[in-house]
Amino acid sequence: MQAKYKKLIFIAVLLAGCIITSLISTNDKAKTLPVSSLLQSAQGAVASKAAQAKTVRVQVSGAVLEPGIYDVPANCRVEEAIAAAGGLTENADSERVNLVRKVRDGMQIRVPVKKAARTSRTQRKSAQAKSGLGESASKKYGSAKAGSGRNNSMMQNVRINSASARELQQLPGIGPALAQRIVETRNSGRFTSAEDLLRVPGIGKAKLAKLRNYVEVD
């Protein structure tokens, strides 16, 4: 009988030990799970803040108010980068830009102008260029014309048989070399008429026609 009671007491103690052990294990798990969950949440928050703090550098140009280089959040869109550059101008062609595209580091965002505005600006520049060329040509032509009239009115007739080489250079189209040839030619025989200038090497009928009204035979 005593052996039977001892056996029953042993079994009861063993069951009680198992129950106590199970309760302790369950309690530990209940305490451990919230701590692990809190750590994961904290790590996720840190990662999220790090992602938000990361920026990329982009260049915004074209039809924006303040073109330049800007640091913008890594996950932002093209429209946000344009907003950082002051926004679009009045003649910006926003339909040709993908405003919802995500930006990336080193990206260049160029906003084109509307075709009508671009054409008008090109025509204006072309008109200004033509106007400038016309005025320049007119000034040059007027200056040359005035100078020609002044030279013709001031020019005196030159006596080809007695004029020096320097005086002969006053004639239209006569330079130092040709003036010297005129002197050498008349030394071998005086000029009796303006046509005798055809004896001078380098003077032909066309040049004689220009000289005829400005020479005298003495």
Protein backbone atom coordinates (compact mmCIF):
# COMPACT_ATOMS: atom_id res chain seq x y z
CA MET A 1 0.00 0.00 0.00
CA GLN A 2 2.77 2.40 0.92
CA ALA A 3 4.46 1.72 -2.42
CA LYS A 4 1.20 2.50 -4.22
CA TYR A 5 0.81 5.83 -2.38
CA LYS A 6 4.38 6.76 -3.08
CA LYS A 7 3.83 6.10 -6.78
CA LEU A 8 0.71 8.26 -6.84
CA ILE A 9 2.48 11.06 -4.98
CA PHE A 10 5.38 10.92 -7.51
CA ILE A 11 2.99 11.13 -10.45
CA ALA A 12 1.19 14.09 -8.87
CA VAL A 13 4.44 15.91 -8.20
CA LEU A 14 5.60 15.24 -11.79
CA LEU A 15 2.34 16.60 -13.24
CA ALA A 16 2.53 19.65 -11.00
CA GLY A 17 6.10 20.28 -12.17
CA CYS A 18 5.08 20.03 -15.83
CA ILE A 19 2.20 22.45 -15.29
CA ILE A 20 4.43 24.96 -13.51
CA THR A 21 7.11 24.68 -16.20
CA SER A 22 4.51 25.23 -18.94
CA LEU A 23 3.14 28.30 -17.21
CA ILE A 24 6.60 29.81 -16.77
CA SER A 25 7.45 29.19 -20.47
CA THR A 26 4.18 30.74 -21.63
CA ASN A 27 4.76 33.79 -19.45
CA ASP A 28 8.30 34.26 -20.84
CA LYS A 29 7.01 34.06 -24.41
CA ALA A 30 4.30 36.59 -23.63
CA LYS A 31 6.96 38.96 -22.29
CA THR A 32 9.41 38.37 -25.16
CA LEU A 33 7.09 38.90 -28.12
CA PRO A 34 6.20 42.55 -27.42
CA VAL A 35 9.87 43.49 -27.02
CA SER A 36 10.79 41.97 -30.40
CA SER A 37 7.86 43.71 -32.06
CA LEU A 38 8.89 47.04 -30.58
CA LEU A 39 12.44 46.63 -31.90
CA GLN A 40 11.18 45.91 -35.42
CA SER A 41 8.91 48.96 -35.33
CA ALA A 42 11.77 51.17 -34.18
CA GLN A 43 14.04 49.89 -36.93
CA GLY A 44 11.34 50.52 -39.54
CA ALA A 45 10.85 54.08 -38.32
CA VAL A 46 14.60 54.77 -38.48
CA ALA A 47 14.78 53.37 -42.03
CA SER A 48 11.80 55.46 -43.07
CA LYS A 49 13.37 58.64 -41.67
CA ALA A 50 16.67 57.83 -43.40
CA ALA A 51 14.87 57.39 -46.71
CA GLN A 52 13.09 60.70 -46.27
CA ALA A 53 16.33 62.49 -45.37
CA LYS A 54 18.14 61.26 -48.54
CA THR A 55 18.33 63.81 -51.35
CA VAL A 56 19.46 63.82 -54.99
CA ARG A 57 20.89 66.65 -57.06
CA VAL A 58 19.15 67.66 -60.29
CA GLN A 59 19.46 70.47 -62.83
CA VAL A 60 16.30 72.35 -63.82
CA SER A 61 16.51 74.55 -66.93
CA GLY A 62 14.40 75.98 -69.72
CA ALA A 63 11.08 77.75 -69.15
CA VAL A 64 11.28 78.01 -65.33
CA LEU A 65 11.54 81.13 -63.20
CA GLU A 66 14.83 80.25 -61.49
CA PRO A 67 16.92 77.75 -63.52
CA GLY A 68 19.71 76.08 -61.59
CA ILE A 69 20.92 73.04 -59.63
CA TYR A 70 18.79 71.86 -56.71
CA ASP A 71 18.89 69.20 -53.99
CA VAL A 72 15.46 67.53 -53.77
CA PRO A 73 14.09 64.48 -51.89
CA ALA A 74 15.09 61.20 -53.52
CA ASN A 75 11.51 60.01 -54.03
CA CYS A 76 10.04 63.27 -55.35
CA ARG A 77 8.50 63.87 -58.76
CA VAL A 78 9.53 66.17 -61.61
CA GLU A 79 6.80 68.65 -60.70
CA GLU A 80 8.33 69.07 -57.23
CA ALA A 81 11.78 69.75 -58.73
CA ILE A 82 10.22 72.38 -61.02
CA ALA A 83 8.49 73.93 -58.01
CA ALA A 84 11.89 74.18 -56.30
CA ALA A 85 13.07 76.17 -59.36
CA GLY A 86 10.31 78.74 -58.88
CA GLY A 87 7.70 77.07 -61.09
CA LEU A 88 6.88 77.38 -64.79
CA THR A 89 6.99 80.59 -66.83
CA GLU A 90 4.04 81.84 -68.85
CA ASN A 91 5.36 80.45 -72.13
CA ALA A 92 6.32 77.02 -70.71
CA ASP A 93 5.02 73.99 -72.62
CA SER A 94 4.17 71.76 -69.65
CA GLU A 95 2.43 69.20 -71.88
CA ARG A 96 5.81 68.12 -73.22
CA VAL A 97 7.17 67.33 -69.75
CA ASN A 98 6.34 64.20 -67.71
CA LEU A 99 5.55 65.92 -64.42
CA VAL A 100 4.84 62.68 -62.50
CA ARG A 101 8.14 61.04 -63.36
CA LYS A 102 10.38 60.28 -60.37
CA VAL A 103 13.67 62.14 -60.31
CA ARG A 104 17.08 60.52 -60.04
CA ASP A 105 20.51 61.80 -59.08
CA GLY A 106 22.22 63.75 -61.86
CA MET A 107 19.01 64.17 -63.85
CA GLN A 108 18.51 67.21 -66.10
CA ILE A 109 14.95 68.50 -66.31
CA ARG A 110 14.47 70.87 -69.26
CA VAL A 111 11.13 72.57 -69.73
CA PRO A 112 10.59 73.65 -73.37
CA VAL A 113 8.78 76.83 -74.41
CA LYS A 114 5.61 76.81 -76.47
CA LYS A 115 6.13 76.61 -80.21
CA ALA A 116 4.33 79.87 -80.90
CA ALA A 117 6.50 81.78 -78.44
CA ARG A 118 9.66 80.19 -79.84
CA THR A 119 8.67 81.11 -83.42
CA SER A 120 7.85 84.68 -82.44
CA ARG A 121 11.20 85.11 -80.71
CA THR A 122 13.05 83.69 -83.73
CA GLN A 123 11.22 86.01 -86.11
CA ARG A 124 11.99 89.00 -83.89
CA LYS A 125 15.70 88.18 -83.84
CA SER A 126 15.71 87.68 -87.61
CA ALA A 127 13.99 91.02 -88.17
CA GLN A 128 16.49 92.77 -85.89
CA ALA A 129 19.40 91.17 -87.72
CA LYS A 130 18.03 92.21 -91.11
CA SER A 131 17.40 95.74 -89.86
CA GLY A 132 20.95 95.98 -88.55
CA LEU A 133 22.40 94.75 -91.84
CA GLY A 134 20.26 97.20 -93.81
CA GLU A 135 21.36 100.14 -91.72
CA SER A 136 25.00 99.08 -91.92
CA ALA A 137 24.87 98.66 -95.69
CA SER A 138 23.07 101.98 -96.08
CA LYS A 139 25.69 103.77 -93.98
CA LYS A 140 28.54 102.19 -95.93
CA TYR A 141 26.95 103.02 -99.29
CA GLY A 142 26.19 106.57 -98.23
CA SER A 143 29.70 107.07 -96.92
CA ALA A 144 31.29 105.72 -100.08
CA LYS A 145 29.02 107.82 -102.25
CA ALA A 146 29.76 110.98 -100.30
CA GLY A 147 33.48 110.27 -100.36
CA SER A 148 33.42 109.65 -104.11
CA GLY A 149 31.62 112.94 -104.75
CA ARG A 150 34.00 114.82 -102.50
CA ASN A 151 37.08 113.34 -104.18
CA ASN A 152 35.76 114.09 -107.68
CA SER A 153 34.86 117.67 -106.85
CA MET A 154 38.21 118.36 -105.19
CA MET A 155 40.36 116.64 -107.84
CA GLN A 156 42.23 119.01 -110.19
CA ASN A 157 43.43 118.20 -113.65
CA VAL A 158 46.98 116.90 -113.86
CA ARG A 159 49.44 117.90 -116.60
CA ILE A 160 50.85 114.58 -117.67
CA ASN A 161 53.95 116.01 -119.36
CA SER A 162 55.19 118.01 -116.37
CA ALA A 163 53.60 116.44 -113.28
CA SER A 164 55.83 114.59 -110.85
CA ALA A 165 55.26 110.95 -109.96
CA ARG A 166 53.58 112.01 -106.70
CA GLU A 167 51.23 114.39 -108.52
CA LEU A 168 50.34 111.69 -111.06
CA GLN A 169 49.18 109.49 -108.16
CA GLN A 170 46.29 111.94 -107.64
CA LEU A 171 44.68 110.51 -110.78
CA PRO A 172 42.04 107.78 -110.22
CA GLY A 173 43.55 104.29 -110.39
CA ILE A 174 47.17 105.48 -110.58
CA GLY A 175 49.47 104.05 -107.94
CA PRO A 176 53.22 104.59 -107.37
CA ALA A 177 54.32 101.93 -109.87
CA LEU A 178 52.04 103.15 -112.66
CA ALA A 179 52.96 106.79 -111.99
CA GLN A 180 56.62 105.89 -112.39
CA ARG A 181 55.90 104.13 -115.71
CA ILE A 182 54.10 107.27 -116.97
CA VAL A 183 57.21 109.33 -116.18
CA GLU A 184 59.51 106.82 -117.90
CA THR A 185 57.25 106.67 -120.99
CA ARG A 186 57.11 110.47 -121.46
CA ASN A 187 60.92 110.67 -121.07
CA SER A 188 61.16 108.66 -124.25
CA GLY A 189 58.61 110.87 -125.99
CA ARG A 190 56.21 113.57 -124.82
CA PHE A 191 52.46 112.93 -124.78
CA THR A 192 50.65 114.85 -127.49
CA SER A 193 47.17 113.77 -126.42
CA ALA A 194 45.42 111.79 -123.68
CA GLU A 195 45.34 108.77 -126.00
CA ASP A 196 49.13 108.62 -125.82
CA LEU A 197 48.71 107.23 -122.31
CA LEU A 198 47.93 103.91 -124.00
CA ARG A 199 51.69 103.71 -124.59
CA VAL A 200 52.16 103.25 -120.83
CA PRO A 201 52.29 99.57 -119.82
CA GLY A 202 49.28 98.89 -117.57
CA ILE A 203 46.99 101.54 -119.06
CA GLY A 204 44.28 100.22 -121.35
CA LYS A 205 41.18 101.71 -122.91
CA ALA A 206 39.07 101.20 -119.78
CA LYS A 207 41.56 102.99 -117.52
CA LEU A 208 42.05 105.72 -120.13
CA ALA A 209 38.30 106.38 -120.10
CA LYS A 210 38.53 107.06 -116.34
CA LEU A 211 41.59 109.31 -116.73
CA ARG A 212 40.50 111.34 -119.77
CA ASN A 213 38.53 113.98 -117.80
CA TYR A 214 41.38 114.55 -115.30
CA VAL A 215 44.45 114.93 -117.50
CA GLU A 216 45.82 117.83 -119.53
CA VAL A 217 48.48 117.80 -122.22
CA ASP A 218 50.83 120.79 -121.89
